[in-house]
Protein backbone atom coordinates (compact mmCIF):
# COMPACT_ATOMS: atom_id res chain seq x y z
CA MET A 1 87.04 121.72 83.10
CA GLU A 2 90.05 120.34 81.79
CA LYS A 3 89.68 116.49 80.43
CA MET A 4 91.43 113.76 80.82
CA THR A 5 93.11 111.60 78.82
CA ASN A 6 93.44 107.96 78.16
CA GLN A 7 96.56 107.36 80.27
CA GLU A 8 95.61 109.57 83.38
CA LEU A 9 91.93 107.63 83.29
CA ALA A 10 93.87 104.00 83.42
CA LYS A 11 96.04 105.19 86.57
CA THR A 12 93.12 106.14 88.35
CA PHE A 13 91.98 102.68 87.41
CA GLN A 14 95.39 101.27 88.39
CA LEU A 15 95.73 102.92 91.48
CA ILE A 16 91.72 101.58 92.42
CA ALA A 17 93.03 98.22 91.63
CA ASP A 18 95.84 98.53 93.59
CA LEU A 19 93.62 99.64 96.80
CA LEU A 20 91.30 97.34 96.43
CA GLU A 21 94.41 94.65 95.96
CA ILE A 22 95.66 95.75 99.51
CA LYS A 23 92.82 95.93 100.69
CA GLY A 24 91.99 92.24 100.03
CA GLU A 25 89.27 92.60 98.24
CA ASN A 26 87.63 90.23 95.32
CA ILE A 27 90.54 89.04 93.11
CA TYR A 28 87.83 89.15 89.84
CA LYS A 29 86.93 93.07 91.17
CA ILE A 30 90.41 93.70 90.60
CA LEU A 31 91.20 91.89 87.64
CA ALA A 32 88.31 93.77 86.11
CA TYR A 33 89.99 97.49 87.31
CA ARG A 34 93.37 96.22 86.02
CA LYS A 35 91.47 95.12 82.16
CA ALA A 36 89.99 98.53 81.86
CA SER A 37 93.14 100.36 82.89
CA GLU A 38 94.96 98.20 80.35
CA SER A 39 92.16 98.77 77.72
CA LEU A 40 92.16 102.29 78.41
CA SER A 41 95.83 102.58 78.11
CA ASN A 42 96.05 101.17 74.68
CA LEU A 43 93.15 102.74 73.08
CA SER A 44 93.71 103.82 70.09
CA GLN A 45 91.19 106.48 70.01
CA ASP A 46 90.19 109.80 72.40
CA VAL A 47 88.08 108.34 75.39
CA ASN A 48 86.43 111.61 75.83
CA GLU A 49 85.44 110.82 71.70
CA VAL A 50 84.07 107.45 72.39
CA TRP A 51 82.25 108.76 75.87
CA LYS A 52 80.79 111.52 73.61
CA LEU A 53 79.33 108.77 71.22
CA GLY A 54 78.25 106.80 74.44
CA ARG A 55 80.29 104.44 73.42
CA LEU A 56 81.86 103.34 76.31
CA MET A 57 80.93 99.57 77.17
CA GLU A 58 82.06 98.86 73.63
CA ILE A 59 85.69 99.54 74.84
CA ASP A 60 87.37 96.13 76.00
CA GLY A 61 87.04 94.97 79.92
CA VAL A 62 84.49 97.81 80.28
CA GLY A 63 81.14 96.80 81.58
CA LYS A 64 78.01 98.67 82.63
CA ALA A 65 79.74 99.52 86.04
CA ILE A 66 83.49 100.56 85.38
CA ALA A 67 81.43 102.96 82.31
CA GLU A 68 80.00 104.66 84.82
CA LYS A 69 82.62 105.33 86.80
CA ILE A 70 84.33 106.72 83.66
CA ASP A 71 81.51 109.12 83.00
CA GLU A 72 81.78 110.14 86.41
CA LEU A 73 85.24 111.01 85.82
CA LEU A 74 85.12 112.84 82.33
CA SER A 75 82.04 114.61 83.46
CA THR A 76 82.76 115.53 86.89
CA GLY A 77 86.73 115.21 86.88
CA HIS A 78 86.08 113.20 90.47
CA LEU A 79 85.06 110.11 91.51
CA ASP A 80 83.19 109.50 94.52
CA PHE A 81 83.92 105.64 94.79
CA LEU A 82 88.06 106.31 94.82
CA ASP A 83 87.75 108.89 97.27
CA LYS A 84 85.76 106.56 99.65
CA LEU A 85 88.45 103.82 98.99
CA GLU A 86 91.36 106.47 99.52
CA LYS A 87 89.91 107.02 103.07
CA GLU A 88 89.80 102.90 104.09
CA VAL A 89 93.05 102.58 102.79
CA PRO A 90 96.10 105.22 102.29
CA PRO A 91 96.80 105.71 98.51
CA SER A 92 100.58 105.88 99.33
CA LEU A 93 100.35 102.06 100.29
CA ALA A 94 99.93 101.86 96.07
CA GLU A 95 103.94 103.45 95.78
CA MET A 96 105.09 100.69 97.75
CA LEU A 97 103.77 98.11 95.02
CA GLN A 98 106.95 99.24 93.05
CA VAL A 99 109.47 97.77 95.76
CA PRO A 100 110.54 94.63 94.36
CA ASP A 101 109.23 91.19 95.74
CA LEU A 102 107.04 93.64 98.07
CA GLY A 103 103.17 92.59 97.25
CA PRO A 104 100.13 93.89 98.58
CA LYS A 105 99.49 91.14 101.62
CA LYS A 106 102.90 92.29 102.87
CA ILE A 107 102.33 95.51 102.36
CA ALA A 108 98.94 95.52 103.75
CA LEU A 109 100.67 93.55 107.19
CA PHE A 110 102.99 96.42 107.56
CA TRP A 111 100.12 99.24 107.00
CA LYS A 112 97.83 96.65 109.86
CA GLN A 113 100.62 95.62 112.22
CA VAL A 114 102.87 98.39 112.21
CA GLY A 115 101.07 101.29 110.77
CA ILE A 116 103.04 102.37 107.97
CA THR A 117 101.82 103.82 105.03
CA ASN A 118 104.51 105.07 102.99
CA LEU A 119 107.92 104.58 101.67
CA SER A 120 110.19 106.48 104.06
CA GLU A 121 108.23 104.82 106.69
CA LEU A 122 108.80 101.07 105.33
CA GLU A 123 112.27 102.29 105.08
CA SER A 124 113.08 103.62 108.56
CA ALA A 125 110.91 100.73 109.36
CA ALA A 126 113.24 98.02 108.07
CA ARG A 127 115.85 99.80 108.69
CA ASN A 128 115.69 99.70 112.51
CA GLY A 129 114.45 95.75 112.81
CA ARG A 130 110.83 96.75 113.49
CA LEU A 131 109.56 94.29 110.45
CA ARG A 132 111.05 91.12 111.30
CA ASN A 133 109.06 89.78 114.09
CA LEU A 134 105.95 89.81 111.52
CA PRO A 135 104.71 86.71 109.88
CA GLY A 136 107.10 85.55 107.03
CA MET A 137 109.58 87.90 107.49
CA GLY A 138 113.40 88.23 109.29
CA GLU A 139 116.39 90.10 109.02
CA LYS A 140 116.84 88.87 105.07
CA SER A 141 113.69 89.52 104.14
CA GLU A 142 114.41 93.42 105.78
CA ALA A 143 117.76 93.56 103.99
CA LYS A 144 115.75 92.85 100.42
CA ILE A 145 113.15 95.39 101.23
CA ILE A 146 116.13 98.01 102.40
CA ALA A 147 118.05 96.78 98.84
CA GLY A 148 114.60 97.57 97.03
CA ILE A 149 114.00 101.01 98.10
CA GLU A 150 117.44 102.11 97.37
CA ALA A 151 116.88 100.47 94.09
CA LEU A 152 113.51 102.30 93.79
CA GLU A 153 115.71 105.72 94.46
CA ARG A 154 118.36 105.16 91.65
CA ARG A 155 115.78 104.89 89.06
CA SER A 156 116.21 107.02 85.95
CA THR A 157 113.75 109.57 85.52
CA ARG A 158 114.74 108.92 81.82
CA LEU A 159 112.09 107.88 79.53
CA PRO A 160 112.57 105.36 76.16
CA LEU A 161 112.90 107.31 73.14
CA GLY A 162 109.44 105.56 71.65
CA ARG A 163 107.68 107.05 74.62
CA VAL A 164 108.41 110.90 73.92
CA TRP A 165 109.04 110.61 70.21
CA PRO A 166 105.13 111.80 69.70
CA PHE A 167 105.46 114.42 71.63
CA ALA A 168 108.98 116.03 69.99
């Protein structure tokens, strides 16, 4: 089995935090996963080495529960908690958080009220005026969502020099 990198682990915990937030989970639980994600992302040494030494809980923001999840991910490459969460909340909803001015509450509203689970469904619903009658929404909100999605599509796939230089 291929070992996971710090960045892959960080992305996994970021996804968990996003899905928990859309689900409407306790804010402290969400913040704990975001903190762990940030710490793993900024960790100066390979998390696999820290894991082998049994020192996961020495990482800032990693307590017993998150250390157990890291252990499960590194030993099996899989996380049951995330699987269960993805059955409750479609993972594609997390992509919608990239749209400017769209937060987890709005995304949850679109998902629960209109059945929207991805960006293309969201764009279609906004263009067809299916969002304007939802609480806190209107024609201007739909126009902002469309503009936000279009801006995302125009975004460059180029990476900053500082991120690619170590690989060059």
